[in-house]
């Protein structure tokens, strides 16, 4: 098969392939010492993705706070990896959340740096946006579990969790739910700074006996 023929076939496969795009945005550092991201700020980000879903840009989504991060999950079909519009939606949702925080007087500049005066590229850096993506071809039952660890850097305790749940050759990962169903695990990190920051995102794809498809 020539490269041209392979790319032609791959372009057809992409149309049938779902993509999970998971983005973490650190907006908590801009909230003046609040211990958690207020619900109003979370809902502002959720509203952006809800409009995108209603417009048919994404199939489904999830938004919730996790420590200082706003966790965004966007599910698409046939758009492939690293789609600019999908990543832009995640960025817009994060900015909307921070704008709501500013409206509620929770926002505080950091060391004299005003987020809302930054250029778009500088805002991405300031939000510490960290995307990871998982493409897969859906089957009749394809539940997805996404586990995100705070302070998940290398260490004795975290290594135990990795071996127990996610290591492909060790632990009880093949019987995680007690039914004996096989699972496959993928550990994804977006960059070295993410590891240094202490976060890791694990995506676990599970082969289930469920009869109906379930989108998370």
N, C-alpha and C. Protein backbone atom coordinates (compact mmCIF):
# COMPACT_ATOMS: atom_id res chain seq x y z
N UNK A 1 0.85 -1.20 0.00
CA UNK A 1 0.00 0.00 0.00
C UNK A 1 0.88 1.25 0.00
N UNK A 2 0.59 2.15 -0.87
CA UNK A 2 1.36 3.39 -0.93
C UNK A 2 0.93 4.34 0.17
N UNK A 3 1.77 5.36 0.44
CA UNK A 3 1.44 6.34 1.46
C UNK A 3 0.14 7.06 1.11
N UNK A 4 -0.03 7.36 -0.18
CA UNK A 4 -1.23 8.07 -0.61
C UNK A 4 -2.47 7.23 -0.34
N UNK A 5 -2.38 5.92 -0.62
CA UNK A 5 -3.53 5.04 -0.40
C UNK A 5 -3.82 4.91 1.10
N UNK A 6 -2.75 4.81 1.90
CA UNK A 6 -2.95 4.72 3.35
C UNK A 6 -3.63 5.96 3.89
N UNK A 7 -3.17 7.14 3.48
CA UNK A 7 -3.76 8.39 3.97
C UNK A 7 -5.22 8.52 3.55
N UNK A 8 -5.53 8.04 2.34
CA UNK A 8 -6.91 8.08 1.87
C UNK A 8 -7.80 7.20 2.75
N UNK A 9 -7.32 6.00 3.07
CA UNK A 9 -8.09 5.10 3.94
C UNK A 9 -8.19 5.64 5.35
N UNK A 10 -7.10 6.23 5.82
CA UNK A 10 -7.10 6.78 7.17
C UNK A 10 -8.08 7.94 7.30
N UNK A 11 -8.19 8.76 6.27
CA UNK A 11 -9.14 9.88 6.31
C UNK A 11 -10.57 9.38 6.44
N UNK A 12 -10.85 8.21 5.86
CA UNK A 12 -12.18 7.62 6.00
C UNK A 12 -12.38 7.05 7.40
N UNK A 13 -11.32 6.46 7.97
CA UNK A 13 -11.43 5.91 9.32
C UNK A 13 -11.65 7.00 10.35
N UNK A 14 -11.01 8.15 10.14
CA UNK A 14 -11.14 9.25 11.09
C UNK A 14 -12.59 9.68 11.23
N UNK A 15 -13.36 9.61 10.15
CA UNK A 15 -14.76 10.03 10.19
C UNK A 15 -15.58 9.18 11.14
N UNK A 16 -15.12 7.96 11.41
CA UNK A 16 -15.86 7.06 12.28
C UNK A 16 -15.23 6.97 13.67
N UNK A 17 -14.21 7.77 13.91
CA UNK A 17 -13.46 7.66 15.15
C UNK A 17 -13.84 8.78 16.11
N UNK A 18 -14.12 8.42 17.35
CA UNK A 18 -14.41 9.41 18.38
C UNK A 18 -13.12 9.90 19.00
N UNK A 19 -13.15 11.11 19.52
CA UNK A 19 -11.98 11.68 20.19
C UNK A 19 -12.41 12.30 21.52
N UNK A 20 -11.73 11.92 22.58
CA UNK A 20 -11.90 12.57 23.87
C UNK A 20 -10.79 13.60 24.02
N UNK A 21 -11.18 14.84 24.21
CA UNK A 21 -10.21 15.90 24.46
C UNK A 21 -10.39 16.37 25.90
N UNK A 22 -9.36 16.21 26.69
CA UNK A 22 -9.40 16.58 28.10
C UNK A 22 -8.42 17.73 28.32
N UNK A 23 -8.92 18.82 28.89
CA UNK A 23 -8.10 20.01 29.11
C UNK A 23 -8.23 20.45 30.55
N UNK A 24 -7.10 20.71 31.19
CA UNK A 24 -7.09 21.29 32.54
C UNK A 24 -6.63 22.73 32.43
N UNK A 25 -7.38 23.61 33.05
CA UNK A 25 -7.04 25.04 33.07
C UNK A 25 -6.91 25.49 34.52
N UNK A 26 -5.75 26.00 34.88
CA UNK A 26 -5.52 26.44 36.25
C UNK A 26 -6.04 27.86 36.42
N UNK A 27 -7.32 27.96 36.77
CA UNK A 27 -7.89 29.29 37.01
C UNK A 27 -7.89 29.62 38.50
N UNK A 28 -7.69 28.60 39.34
CA UNK A 28 -7.72 28.84 40.78
C UNK A 28 -6.63 29.78 41.24
N UNK A 29 -5.49 29.77 40.55
CA UNK A 29 -4.38 30.63 40.96
C UNK A 29 -4.71 32.10 40.78
N UNK A 30 -5.75 32.41 40.00
CA UNK A 30 -6.17 33.79 39.76
C UNK A 30 -7.32 34.22 40.68
N UNK A 31 -7.67 33.37 41.64
CA UNK A 31 -8.86 33.66 42.44
C UNK A 31 -8.54 34.13 43.85
N UNK A 32 -7.40 34.73 44.00
CA UNK A 32 -7.09 35.43 45.25
C UNK A 32 -7.07 34.55 46.49
N UNK A 33 -6.64 33.31 46.35
CA UNK A 33 -6.50 32.46 47.53
C UNK A 33 -7.73 31.65 47.88
N UNK A 34 -8.76 31.65 47.07
CA UNK A 34 -9.93 30.81 47.34
C UNK A 34 -9.52 29.34 47.34
N UNK A 35 -10.11 28.57 48.23
CA UNK A 35 -9.72 27.17 48.36
C UNK A 35 -10.30 26.29 47.25
N UNK A 36 -11.31 26.78 46.55
CA UNK A 36 -11.91 26.01 45.47
C UNK A 36 -12.51 26.97 44.44
N UNK A 37 -12.80 26.46 43.28
CA UNK A 37 -13.40 27.28 42.23
C UNK A 37 -14.90 27.37 42.47
N UNK A 38 -15.45 28.56 42.65
CA UNK A 38 -16.89 28.69 42.93
C UNK A 38 -17.75 28.13 41.81
N UNK A 39 -18.93 27.67 42.18
CA UNK A 39 -19.83 27.03 41.22
C UNK A 39 -20.23 27.98 40.10
N UNK A 40 -20.39 29.28 40.41
CA UNK A 40 -20.80 30.23 39.37
C UNK A 40 -19.76 30.30 38.26
N UNK A 41 -18.49 30.22 38.62
CA UNK A 41 -17.43 30.24 37.61
C UNK A 41 -17.45 28.96 36.78
N UNK A 42 -17.69 27.84 37.43
CA UNK A 42 -17.78 26.56 36.71
C UNK A 42 -18.94 26.60 35.72
N UNK A 43 -20.08 27.11 36.15
CA UNK A 43 -21.26 27.16 35.29
C UNK A 43 -21.05 28.07 34.08
N UNK A 44 -20.25 29.11 34.24
CA UNK A 44 -19.97 30.00 33.11
C UNK A 44 -19.20 29.25 32.02
N UNK A 45 -18.25 28.42 32.42
CA UNK A 45 -17.54 27.60 31.45
C UNK A 45 -18.43 26.56 30.84
N UNK A 46 -19.29 25.96 31.65
CA UNK A 46 -20.22 24.95 31.14
C UNK A 46 -21.17 25.54 30.10
N UNK A 47 -21.59 26.78 30.28
CA UNK A 47 -22.51 27.42 29.34
C UNK A 47 -21.89 27.53 27.95
N UNK A 48 -20.59 27.81 27.89
CA UNK A 48 -19.89 27.91 26.60
C UNK A 48 -19.96 26.59 25.85
N UNK A 49 -19.69 25.49 26.55
CA UNK A 49 -19.69 24.18 25.89
C UNK A 49 -21.10 23.70 25.60
N UNK A 50 -22.07 24.11 26.41
CA UNK A 50 -23.46 23.75 26.12
C UNK A 50 -23.91 24.37 24.80
N UNK A 51 -23.55 25.63 24.59
CA UNK A 51 -23.90 26.27 23.31
C UNK A 51 -23.22 25.56 22.14
N UNK A 52 -21.97 25.15 22.34
CA UNK A 52 -21.25 24.44 21.29
C UNK A 52 -21.91 23.10 20.97
N UNK A 53 -22.39 22.43 22.00
CA UNK A 53 -23.09 21.16 21.79
C UNK A 53 -24.40 21.39 21.03
N UNK A 54 -25.13 22.42 21.41
CA UNK A 54 -26.38 22.72 20.74
C UNK A 54 -26.17 23.12 19.28
N UNK A 55 -25.01 23.69 19.00
CA UNK A 55 -24.68 24.08 17.62
C UNK A 55 -24.08 22.92 16.81
N UNK A 56 -23.90 21.78 17.46
CA UNK A 56 -23.37 20.61 16.77
C UNK A 56 -21.86 20.57 16.63
N UNK A 57 -21.14 21.42 17.38
CA UNK A 57 -19.69 21.44 17.28
C UNK A 57 -19.05 20.29 18.06
N UNK A 58 -19.70 19.87 19.14
CA UNK A 58 -19.23 18.74 19.94
C UNK A 58 -20.42 17.84 20.24
N UNK A 59 -20.13 16.57 20.56
CA UNK A 59 -21.20 15.63 20.87
C UNK A 59 -21.64 15.73 22.32
N UNK A 60 -20.67 15.85 23.19
CA UNK A 60 -20.95 15.84 24.62
C UNK A 60 -19.79 16.52 25.34
N UNK A 61 -19.98 16.81 26.62
CA UNK A 61 -18.92 17.48 27.38
C UNK A 61 -19.14 17.28 28.86
N UNK A 62 -18.09 17.53 29.62
CA UNK A 62 -18.15 17.58 31.08
C UNK A 62 -17.29 18.74 31.55
N UNK A 63 -17.76 19.41 32.60
CA UNK A 63 -17.00 20.51 33.21
C UNK A 63 -17.14 20.39 34.72
N UNK A 64 -16.02 20.36 35.43
CA UNK A 64 -16.10 20.40 36.88
C UNK A 64 -14.77 20.85 37.46
N UNK A 65 -14.79 21.37 38.69
CA UNK A 65 -13.54 21.82 39.32
C UNK A 65 -12.79 20.66 39.94
N UNK A 66 -11.47 20.77 39.93
CA UNK A 66 -10.61 19.76 40.55
C UNK A 66 -9.41 20.49 41.13
N UNK A 67 -9.44 20.74 42.45
CA UNK A 67 -8.39 21.54 43.06
C UNK A 67 -8.43 22.96 42.48
N UNK A 68 -7.30 23.42 41.98
CA UNK A 68 -7.24 24.74 41.35
C UNK A 68 -7.60 24.69 39.87
N UNK A 69 -7.81 23.50 39.35
CA UNK A 69 -8.05 23.33 37.92
C UNK A 69 -9.53 23.31 37.58
N UNK A 70 -9.83 23.87 36.42
CA UNK A 70 -11.13 23.66 35.79
C UNK A 70 -10.93 22.52 34.79
N UNK A 71 -11.65 21.44 35.00
CA UNK A 71 -11.50 20.24 34.18
C UNK A 71 -12.53 20.27 33.07
N UNK A 72 -12.07 20.20 31.82
CA UNK A 72 -12.95 20.27 30.66
C UNK A 72 -12.77 19.01 29.82
N UNK A 73 -13.87 18.35 29.52
CA UNK A 73 -13.82 17.18 28.65
C UNK A 73 -14.77 17.41 27.47
N UNK A 74 -14.23 17.35 26.26
CA UNK A 74 -15.02 17.57 25.05
C UNK A 74 -14.98 16.29 24.21
N UNK A 75 -16.14 15.80 23.84
CA UNK A 75 -16.24 14.57 23.05
C UNK A 75 -16.70 14.91 21.63
N UNK A 76 -15.94 14.45 20.65
CA UNK A 76 -16.27 14.73 19.26
C UNK A 76 -16.24 13.45 18.45
N UNK A 77 -16.79 13.51 17.26
CA UNK A 77 -16.78 12.38 16.34
C UNK A 77 -16.34 12.86 14.97
N UNK A 78 -15.32 12.21 14.43
CA UNK A 78 -14.89 12.49 13.07
C UNK A 78 -14.06 13.74 12.89
N UNK A 79 -13.65 14.38 13.97
CA UNK A 79 -12.86 15.61 13.85
C UNK A 79 -11.37 15.39 14.08
N UNK A 80 -11.00 14.19 14.51
CA UNK A 80 -9.59 13.87 14.64
C UNK A 80 -8.92 14.54 15.83
N UNK A 81 -7.60 14.36 15.90
CA UNK A 81 -6.81 14.91 16.99
C UNK A 81 -6.41 16.36 16.73
N UNK A 82 -6.20 17.09 17.81
CA UNK A 82 -5.64 18.45 17.75
C UNK A 82 -6.48 19.36 16.85
N UNK A 83 -7.79 19.23 16.95
CA UNK A 83 -8.66 20.07 16.12
C UNK A 83 -8.68 21.49 16.69
N UNK A 84 -8.34 22.49 15.89
CA UNK A 84 -8.24 23.87 16.42
C UNK A 84 -9.53 24.37 17.05
N UNK A 85 -10.68 24.05 16.44
CA UNK A 85 -11.95 24.55 16.97
C UNK A 85 -12.26 23.94 18.34
N UNK A 86 -11.89 22.68 18.52
CA UNK A 86 -12.15 22.01 19.79
C UNK A 86 -11.27 22.62 20.89
N UNK A 87 -9.99 22.80 20.58
CA UNK A 87 -9.10 23.40 21.58
C UNK A 87 -9.50 24.85 21.87
N UNK A 88 -9.97 25.55 20.86
CA UNK A 88 -10.42 26.93 21.08
C UNK A 88 -11.63 26.98 22.00
N UNK A 89 -12.52 26.00 21.86
CA UNK A 89 -13.70 25.95 22.74
C UNK A 89 -13.28 25.77 24.20
N UNK A 90 -12.31 24.90 24.43
CA UNK A 90 -11.83 24.70 25.80
C UNK A 90 -11.23 25.99 26.35
N UNK A 91 -10.46 26.68 25.52
CA UNK A 91 -9.87 27.96 25.93
C UNK A 91 -10.97 28.98 26.25
N UNK A 92 -11.98 29.06 25.41
CA UNK A 92 -13.06 30.02 25.61
C UNK A 92 -13.85 29.71 26.88
N UNK A 93 -14.02 28.42 27.17
CA UNK A 93 -14.73 28.04 28.39
C UNK A 93 -13.94 28.46 29.63
N UNK A 94 -12.62 28.27 29.59
CA UNK A 94 -11.79 28.67 30.72
C UNK A 94 -11.82 30.18 30.92
N UNK A 95 -11.73 30.93 29.84
CA UNK A 95 -11.77 32.40 29.92
C UNK A 95 -13.13 32.87 30.45
N UNK A 96 -14.20 32.21 30.01
CA UNK A 96 -15.54 32.58 30.49
C UNK A 96 -15.66 32.36 31.99
N UNK A 97 -15.06 31.28 32.48
CA UNK A 97 -15.09 31.01 33.92
C UNK A 97 -14.34 32.09 34.69
N UNK A 98 -13.18 32.47 34.17
CA UNK A 98 -12.39 33.49 34.85
C UNK A 98 -13.07 34.86 34.75
N UNK A 99 -13.74 35.11 33.64
CA UNK A 99 -14.48 36.38 33.50
C UNK A 99 -15.62 36.46 34.51
N UNK A 100 -16.30 35.35 34.73
CA UNK A 100 -17.35 35.33 35.75
C UNK A 100 -16.76 35.57 37.13
N UNK A 101 -15.58 35.00 37.39
CA UNK A 101 -14.91 35.23 38.67
C UNK A 101 -14.58 36.71 38.85
N UNK A 102 -14.15 37.37 37.76
CA UNK A 102 -13.85 38.80 37.84
C UNK A 102 -15.12 39.60 38.11
N UNK A 103 -16.21 39.17 37.47
CA UNK A 103 -17.49 39.85 37.68
C UNK A 103 -17.94 39.76 39.14
N UNK A 104 -17.63 38.62 39.76
CA UNK A 104 -18.02 38.40 41.16
C UNK A 104 -16.97 38.93 42.15
N UNK A 105 -15.92 39.59 41.65
CA UNK A 105 -14.87 40.17 42.48
C UNK A 105 -13.98 39.11 43.15
N UNK A 106 -13.91 37.92 42.56
CA UNK A 106 -13.01 36.90 43.09
C UNK A 106 -11.64 36.95 42.43
N UNK A 107 -11.59 37.52 41.26
CA UNK A 107 -10.35 37.56 40.48
C UNK A 107 -9.33 38.50 41.12
N UNK A 108 -8.04 38.08 41.09
CA UNK A 108 -6.95 38.92 41.54
C UNK A 108 -5.78 38.77 40.57
N UNK A 109 -5.16 39.87 40.15
CA UNK A 109 -3.94 39.77 39.34
C UNK A 109 -2.84 39.06 40.11
N UNK A 110 -1.90 38.49 39.40
CA UNK A 110 -0.77 37.79 40.02
C UNK A 110 0.51 38.58 39.77
N UNK A 111 1.12 39.03 40.84
CA UNK A 111 2.38 39.77 40.76
C UNK A 111 2.30 40.89 39.72
N UNK A 112 1.21 41.63 39.76
CA UNK A 112 1.04 42.76 38.87
C UNK A 112 0.62 42.40 37.45
N UNK A 113 0.46 41.12 37.15
CA UNK A 113 0.08 40.69 35.81
C UNK A 113 -1.44 40.57 35.73
N UNK A 114 -2.05 41.35 34.84
CA UNK A 114 -3.50 41.33 34.67
C UNK A 114 -3.83 40.38 33.52
N UNK A 115 -4.51 39.30 33.83
CA UNK A 115 -4.84 38.29 32.82
C UNK A 115 -5.59 38.90 31.64
N UNK A 116 -6.51 39.78 31.91
CA UNK A 116 -7.39 40.31 30.87
C UNK A 116 -6.71 41.33 29.97
N UNK A 117 -5.48 41.70 30.28
CA UNK A 117 -4.71 42.58 29.41
C UNK A 117 -3.68 41.81 28.58
N UNK A 118 -3.65 40.49 28.74
CA UNK A 118 -2.69 39.67 28.01
C UNK A 118 -3.19 39.34 26.61
N UNK A 119 -2.25 39.11 25.70
CA UNK A 119 -2.60 38.61 24.37
C UNK A 119 -3.07 37.16 24.50
N UNK A 120 -3.75 36.66 23.46
CA UNK A 120 -4.33 35.32 23.51
C UNK A 120 -3.28 34.25 23.82
N UNK A 121 -2.12 34.33 23.16
CA UNK A 121 -1.08 33.33 23.40
C UNK A 121 -0.58 33.40 24.85
N UNK A 122 -0.46 34.61 25.39
CA UNK A 122 -0.01 34.77 26.77
C UNK A 122 -1.07 34.25 27.75
N UNK A 123 -2.34 34.38 27.39
CA UNK A 123 -3.41 33.87 28.24
C UNK A 123 -3.35 32.35 28.35
N UNK A 124 -3.04 31.70 27.23
CA UNK A 124 -2.93 30.23 27.24
C UNK A 124 -1.86 29.79 28.23
N UNK A 125 -0.73 30.50 28.21
CA UNK A 125 0.35 30.19 29.15
C UNK A 125 -0.09 30.48 30.58
N UNK A 126 -0.76 31.62 30.78
CA UNK A 126 -1.19 32.02 32.11
C UNK A 126 -2.21 31.06 32.71
N UNK A 127 -3.02 30.45 31.86
CA UNK A 127 -4.00 29.48 32.33
C UNK A 127 -3.40 28.09 32.54
N UNK A 128 -2.17 27.92 32.08
CA UNK A 128 -1.50 26.62 32.16
C UNK A 128 -2.39 25.53 31.54
N UNK A 129 -2.92 25.82 30.37
CA UNK A 129 -3.78 24.86 29.67
C UNK A 129 -2.99 23.60 29.35
N UNK A 130 -3.53 22.45 29.69
CA UNK A 130 -2.85 21.18 29.50
C UNK A 130 -3.81 20.20 28.83
N UNK A 131 -3.73 20.06 27.51
CA UNK A 131 -4.65 19.14 26.82
C UNK A 131 -4.04 17.76 26.61
N UNK A 132 -4.86 16.75 26.71
CA UNK A 132 -4.52 15.40 26.29
C UNK A 132 -5.70 14.85 25.50
N UNK A 133 -5.43 13.95 24.55
CA UNK A 133 -6.50 13.45 23.70
C UNK A 133 -6.38 11.94 23.51
N UNK A 134 -7.53 11.30 23.39
CA UNK A 134 -7.58 9.86 23.16
C UNK A 134 -8.55 9.56 22.03
N UNK A 135 -8.05 9.11 20.87
CA UNK A 135 -8.95 8.71 19.78
C UNK A 135 -9.29 7.23 19.90
N UNK A 136 -10.50 6.86 19.54
CA UNK A 136 -10.88 5.45 19.55
C UNK A 136 -12.11 5.25 18.67
N UNK A 137 -12.27 4.02 18.21
CA UNK A 137 -13.44 3.66 17.42
C UNK A 137 -14.48 3.05 18.35
N UNK A 138 -15.65 3.65 18.39
CA UNK A 138 -16.68 3.20 19.31
C UNK A 138 -17.21 1.83 18.93
N UNK A 139 -17.57 1.07 19.98
CA UNK A 139 -18.24 -0.20 19.78
C UNK A 139 -19.61 -0.12 20.44
N UNK A 140 -20.31 -1.26 20.50
CA UNK A 140 -21.65 -1.26 21.08
C UNK A 140 -21.68 -0.82 22.53
N UNK A 141 -20.61 -1.12 23.27
CA UNK A 141 -20.49 -0.67 24.66
C UNK A 141 -19.06 -0.21 24.86
N UNK A 142 -18.86 1.05 25.14
CA UNK A 142 -17.51 1.58 25.27
C UNK A 142 -17.47 2.62 26.39
N UNK A 143 -17.67 2.19 27.67
CA UNK A 143 -17.58 3.15 28.77
C UNK A 143 -16.14 3.63 28.94
N UNK A 144 -16.01 4.87 29.33
CA UNK A 144 -14.69 5.48 29.52
C UNK A 144 -14.58 5.97 30.96
N UNK A 145 -13.48 5.67 31.59
CA UNK A 145 -13.19 6.19 32.92
C UNK A 145 -11.97 7.09 32.82
N UNK A 146 -12.08 8.31 33.30
CA UNK A 146 -10.96 9.23 33.32
C UNK A 146 -10.61 9.52 34.77
N UNK A 147 -9.41 9.16 35.16
CA UNK A 147 -8.96 9.39 36.53
C UNK A 147 -7.88 10.47 36.52
N UNK A 148 -8.07 11.49 37.31
CA UNK A 148 -7.08 12.56 37.40
C UNK A 148 -6.55 12.62 38.82
N UNK A 149 -5.24 12.60 38.96
CA UNK A 149 -4.60 12.59 40.27
C UNK A 149 -4.00 13.94 40.58
N UNK A 150 -4.28 14.44 41.78
CA UNK A 150 -3.59 15.62 42.28
C UNK A 150 -2.28 15.17 42.90
N UNK A 151 -1.21 15.93 42.66
CA UNK A 151 0.11 15.59 43.20
C UNK A 151 0.48 14.16 42.82
N UNK A 152 0.33 13.87 41.53
CA UNK A 152 0.58 12.51 41.05
C UNK A 152 2.00 12.29 40.58
N UNK A 153 2.94 13.05 41.08
CA UNK A 153 4.33 12.87 40.67
C UNK A 153 4.87 11.55 41.21
N UNK A 154 6.05 11.16 40.72
CA UNK A 154 6.64 9.89 41.13
C UNK A 154 6.86 9.85 42.63
N UNK A 155 6.51 8.74 43.23
CA UNK A 155 6.69 8.57 44.66
C UNK A 155 6.21 7.19 45.07
N UNK A 156 6.58 6.75 46.26
CA UNK A 156 6.25 5.39 46.69
C UNK A 156 4.75 5.14 46.69
N UNK A 157 3.96 6.07 47.24
CA UNK A 157 2.52 5.88 47.32
C UNK A 157 1.88 5.89 45.94
N UNK A 158 2.25 6.88 45.11
CA UNK A 158 1.67 6.98 43.78
C UNK A 158 2.10 5.82 42.89
N UNK A 159 3.31 5.33 43.08
CA UNK A 159 3.75 4.18 42.31
C UNK A 159 2.88 2.96 42.61
N UNK A 160 2.47 2.83 43.85
CA UNK A 160 1.59 1.73 44.23
C UNK A 160 0.25 1.83 43.50
N UNK A 161 -0.30 3.05 43.43
CA UNK A 161 -1.57 3.24 42.72
C UNK A 161 -1.42 2.91 41.24
N UNK A 162 -0.30 3.34 40.66
CA UNK A 162 -0.07 3.05 39.25
C UNK A 162 -0.01 1.55 39.01
N UNK A 163 0.77 0.85 39.84
CA UNK A 163 0.90 -0.59 39.65
C UNK A 163 -0.43 -1.30 39.87
N UNK A 164 -1.20 -0.83 40.83
CA UNK A 164 -2.44 -1.49 41.18
C UNK A 164 -3.51 -1.35 40.11
N UNK A 165 -3.64 -0.14 39.56
CA UNK A 165 -4.77 0.13 38.68
C UNK A 165 -4.41 0.29 37.21
N UNK A 166 -3.20 0.76 36.90
CA UNK A 166 -2.93 1.18 35.54
C UNK A 166 -1.78 0.47 34.84
N UNK A 167 -0.93 -0.21 35.58
CA UNK A 167 0.22 -0.84 34.93
C UNK A 167 -0.25 -1.98 34.04
N UNK A 168 0.22 -2.03 32.78
CA UNK A 168 -0.28 -3.07 31.85
C UNK A 168 0.15 -4.48 32.21
N UNK A 169 1.18 -4.64 33.04
CA UNK A 169 1.70 -5.97 33.34
C UNK A 169 1.59 -6.37 34.80
N UNK A 170 1.06 -5.49 35.63
CA UNK A 170 1.02 -5.78 37.06
C UNK A 170 -0.36 -5.50 37.62
N UNK A 171 -0.55 -5.93 38.85
CA UNK A 171 -1.72 -5.53 39.60
C UNK A 171 -3.01 -6.17 39.14
N UNK A 172 -4.12 -5.62 39.62
CA UNK A 172 -5.44 -6.20 39.41
C UNK A 172 -6.22 -5.48 38.32
N UNK A 173 -5.50 -4.80 37.41
CA UNK A 173 -6.22 -3.97 36.44
C UNK A 173 -7.16 -4.76 35.56
N UNK A 174 -6.93 -6.06 35.38
CA UNK A 174 -7.81 -6.85 34.53
C UNK A 174 -9.09 -7.25 35.25
N UNK A 175 -9.16 -7.03 36.56
CA UNK A 175 -10.35 -7.38 37.32
C UNK A 175 -10.75 -6.20 38.20
N UNK A 176 -10.62 -5.02 37.66
CA UNK A 176 -10.82 -3.80 38.44
C UNK A 176 -12.23 -3.70 39.01
N UNK A 177 -13.24 -4.14 38.22
CA UNK A 177 -14.62 -4.01 38.69
C UNK A 177 -15.15 -5.33 39.26
N UNK A 178 -14.29 -6.33 39.40
CA UNK A 178 -14.71 -7.57 40.02
C UNK A 178 -15.46 -8.53 39.12
N UNK A 179 -15.68 -8.16 37.86
CA UNK A 179 -16.44 -9.00 36.95
C UNK A 179 -15.55 -9.85 36.08
N UNK A 180 -14.25 -9.55 36.07
CA UNK A 180 -13.34 -10.28 35.20
C UNK A 180 -13.23 -9.68 33.82
N UNK A 181 -13.98 -8.60 33.55
CA UNK A 181 -13.88 -7.96 32.23
C UNK A 181 -12.49 -7.38 32.04
N UNK A 182 -11.96 -7.52 30.85
CA UNK A 182 -10.63 -7.01 30.54
C UNK A 182 -10.69 -5.49 30.34
N UNK A 183 -9.66 -4.80 30.76
CA UNK A 183 -9.57 -3.37 30.50
C UNK A 183 -8.22 -3.07 29.88
N UNK A 184 -8.15 -1.93 29.21
CA UNK A 184 -6.89 -1.43 28.70
C UNK A 184 -6.65 -0.05 29.30
N UNK A 185 -5.43 0.26 29.63
CA UNK A 185 -5.13 1.52 30.29
C UNK A 185 -4.09 2.30 29.51
N UNK A 186 -4.22 3.60 29.52
CA UNK A 186 -3.24 4.48 28.90
C UNK A 186 -2.99 5.64 29.85
N UNK A 187 -1.74 5.88 30.18
CA UNK A 187 -1.37 7.01 31.02
C UNK A 187 -0.88 8.13 30.11
N UNK A 188 -1.47 9.28 30.21
CA UNK A 188 -1.14 10.38 29.32
C UNK A 188 -0.70 11.59 30.12
N UNK A 189 0.38 12.20 29.73
CA UNK A 189 0.75 13.51 30.27
C UNK A 189 1.03 14.43 29.10
N UNK A 190 0.68 15.69 29.26
CA UNK A 190 0.79 16.61 28.14
C UNK A 190 2.20 17.18 27.98
N UNK A 191 2.96 17.26 29.07
CA UNK A 191 4.26 17.91 28.96
C UNK A 191 5.08 17.65 30.22
N UNK A 192 6.37 17.91 30.14
CA UNK A 192 7.24 17.79 31.31
C UNK A 192 6.81 18.75 32.42
N UNK A 193 6.45 20.02 32.10
CA UNK A 193 5.98 20.91 33.17
C UNK A 193 4.79 20.35 33.94
N UNK A 194 3.92 19.58 33.25
CA UNK A 194 2.79 18.98 33.94
C UNK A 194 3.28 17.99 34.99
N UNK A 195 4.29 17.20 34.65
CA UNK A 195 4.83 16.25 35.61
C UNK A 195 5.43 16.99 36.79
N UNK A 196 6.16 18.06 36.50
CA UNK A 196 6.76 18.86 37.56
C UNK A 196 5.69 19.50 38.43
N UNK A 197 4.58 19.89 37.81
CA UNK A 197 3.48 20.51 38.56
C UNK A 197 2.83 19.49 39.48
N UNK A 198 2.92 18.22 39.11
CA UNK A 198 2.41 17.19 40.00
C UNK A 198 1.08 16.62 39.58
N UNK A 199 0.73 16.71 38.32
CA UNK A 199 -0.54 16.17 37.88
C UNK A 199 -0.36 15.15 36.79
N UNK A 200 -1.21 14.16 36.79
CA UNK A 200 -1.17 13.18 35.72
C UNK A 200 -2.60 12.80 35.40
N UNK A 201 -2.91 12.60 34.14
CA UNK A 201 -4.26 12.20 33.75
C UNK A 201 -4.18 10.78 33.21
N UNK A 202 -4.99 9.93 33.74
CA UNK A 202 -5.02 8.55 33.27
C UNK A 202 -6.35 8.29 32.62
N UNK A 203 -6.31 7.76 31.42
CA UNK A 203 -7.53 7.39 30.73
C UNK A 203 -7.59 5.87 30.66
N UNK A 204 -8.65 5.32 31.12
CA UNK A 204 -8.80 3.88 31.14
C UNK A 204 -9.96 3.48 30.26
N UNK A 205 -9.66 2.67 29.26
CA UNK A 205 -10.71 2.18 28.37
C UNK A 205 -11.08 0.78 28.83
N UNK A 206 -12.34 0.57 29.06
CA UNK A 206 -12.78 -0.70 29.62
C UNK A 206 -13.66 -1.44 28.63
N UNK A 207 -13.40 -2.73 28.45
CA UNK A 207 -14.24 -3.58 27.65
C UNK A 207 -15.33 -4.13 28.55
N UNK A 208 -16.56 -3.71 28.35
CA UNK A 208 -17.64 -4.01 29.26
C UNK A 208 -18.65 -4.96 28.63
N UNK A 209 -19.46 -5.57 29.48
CA UNK A 209 -20.55 -6.42 28.98
C UNK A 209 -21.85 -5.64 28.84
N UNK A 210 -21.80 -4.34 29.06
CA UNK A 210 -23.01 -3.53 28.94
C UNK A 210 -23.57 -3.62 27.53
N UNK A 211 -24.88 -3.66 27.43
CA UNK A 211 -25.52 -3.83 26.13
C UNK A 211 -25.70 -2.50 25.40
N UNK A 212 -25.89 -1.43 26.16
CA UNK A 212 -26.16 -0.14 25.55
C UNK A 212 -24.94 0.74 25.62
N UNK A 213 -24.69 1.59 24.57
CA UNK A 213 -23.56 2.52 24.64
C UNK A 213 -23.79 3.55 25.71
N UNK A 214 -22.71 3.96 26.31
CA UNK A 214 -22.77 4.94 27.39
C UNK A 214 -21.67 5.95 27.19
N UNK A 215 -22.03 7.21 27.02
CA UNK A 215 -21.04 8.26 26.79
C UNK A 215 -20.84 9.03 28.07
N UNK A 216 -19.60 9.15 28.47
CA UNK A 216 -19.29 9.90 29.69
C UNK A 216 -18.65 11.22 29.28
